[in-house]
Amino acid sequence: MPKFLIEREIPGAGDLGPEELRAISQKSCGVLRELGPQVQWVESYVTGDKVYCVYIAPSEELVREHATRGGFPANRVSEIKRMIDPTTAE
């Protein structure tokens, strides 16, 4: 199943506190339950003004549907074609 990287522009994301992040996570998980098991949230990375999320889904359209239903921006959705890490150099 394809894996996607979602770039979300959220001003002040890096300043969000634990309660705010918990609320966002709960909203996301609620929408995922509505969409069914075909869309999975793997992990997210919070930076100063952006959140980068990794999702597994059958299509970009379902990733965008999750964003729409959750009220989250999905400024850029890119399908991950390959993964590399330090062991790739060996």
Protein backbone atom coordinates (compact mmCIF):
# COMPACT_ATOMS: atom_id res chain seq x y z
CA MET A 1 0.00 0.00 0.00
CA PRO A 2 1.35 3.49 -0.81
CA LYS A 3 2.89 5.65 1.87
CA PHE A 4 2.49 9.44 1.80
CA LEU A 5 4.25 12.42 3.34
CA ILE A 6 1.85 15.27 4.17
CA GLU A 7 3.14 18.79 4.74
CA ARG A 8 0.79 20.86 6.88
CA GLU A 9 1.44 24.59 7.28
CA ILE A 10 0.34 25.44 10.81
CA PRO A 11 1.75 28.74 12.09
CA GLY A 12 3.11 28.29 15.61
CA ALA A 13 2.93 24.49 15.45
CA GLY A 14 6.17 24.20 17.40
CA ASP A 15 4.65 26.21 20.25
CA LEU A 16 1.59 23.97 20.68
CA GLY A 17 1.40 22.48 24.14
CA PRO A 18 0.71 18.87 25.15
CA GLU A 19 -3.04 19.48 25.57
CA GLU A 20 -3.37 21.07 22.11
CA LEU A 21 -1.37 18.28 20.48
CA ARG A 22 -3.49 15.68 22.29
CA ALA A 23 -6.70 17.34 21.01
CA ILE A 24 -5.38 17.42 17.44
CA SER A 25 -4.32 13.77 17.71
CA GLN A 26 -7.70 12.75 19.09
CA LYS A 27 -9.50 14.54 16.25
CA SER A 28 -7.25 12.84 13.70
CA CYS A 29 -7.82 9.40 15.22
CA GLY A 30 -11.58 9.97 15.25
CA VAL A 31 -11.59 10.76 11.53
CA LEU A 32 -9.39 7.73 10.85
CA ARG A 33 -11.94 5.50 12.60
CA GLU A 34 -14.66 6.98 10.35
CA LEU A 35 -12.60 6.30 7.21
CA GLY A 36 -11.82 2.72 8.19
CA PRO A 37 -8.60 0.73 8.41
CA GLN A 38 -7.41 1.51 4.89
CA VAL A 39 -5.96 4.86 6.06
CA GLN A 40 -3.28 4.66 8.77
CA TRP A 41 -1.37 7.45 10.51
CA VAL A 42 2.21 6.30 11.07
CA GLU A 43 3.85 9.31 12.75
CA SER A 44 4.22 13.08 12.61
CA TYR A 45 7.03 15.56 13.09
CA VAL A 46 6.29 19.03 14.48
CA THR A 47 8.57 21.92 13.47
CA GLY A 48 8.26 25.67 13.99
CA ASP A 49 5.42 26.36 11.56
CA LYS A 50 4.76 22.98 9.95
CA VAL A 51 3.75 19.44 10.76
CA TYR A 52 4.98 16.60 8.56
CA CYS A 53 2.87 13.44 8.74
CA VAL A 54 3.45 9.97 7.34
CA TYR A 55 0.33 8.04 6.31
CA ILE A 56 -0.35 4.72 4.65
CA ALA A 57 -3.36 4.86 2.34
CA PRO A 58 -4.57 3.43 -0.95
CA SER A 59 -4.73 6.90 -2.53
CA GLU A 60 -3.85 10.56 -2.14
CA GLU A 61 -7.58 11.30 -2.32
CA LEU A 62 -8.20 9.44 0.95
CA VAL A 63 -5.33 11.29 2.62
CA ARG A 64 -6.90 14.57 1.50
CA GLU A 65 -10.34 13.39 2.65
CA HIS A 66 -8.90 12.82 6.13
CA ALA A 67 -7.54 16.37 6.12
CA THR A 68 -10.85 17.83 4.96
CA ARG A 69 -12.93 15.96 7.52
CA GLY A 70 -10.50 16.79 10.31
CA GLY A 71 -10.13 20.44 9.38
CA PHE A 72 -6.38 20.00 8.94
CA PRO A 73 -4.40 21.65 6.15
CA ALA A 74 -2.74 19.35 3.63
CA ASN A 75 -0.64 21.86 1.74
CA ARG A 76 1.40 19.21 0.01
CA VAL A 77 0.87 15.46 -0.28
CA SER A 78 3.72 13.44 -1.79
CA GLU A 79 3.83 9.72 -2.34
CA ILE A 80 6.96 8.22 -0.80
CA LYS A 81 8.70 6.22 -3.53
CA ARG A 82 11.71 4.91 -1.61
CA MET A 83 13.21 5.10 1.85
CA ILE A 84 16.91 5.35 2.57
CA ASP A 85 18.91 5.51 5.78
CA PRO A 86 22.58 5.12 6.78
CA THR A 87 22.46 1.38 6.07
CA THR A 88 21.78 2.21 2.41
CA ALA A 89 25.43 3.29 2.17
CA GLU A 90 26.69 -0.16 3.19
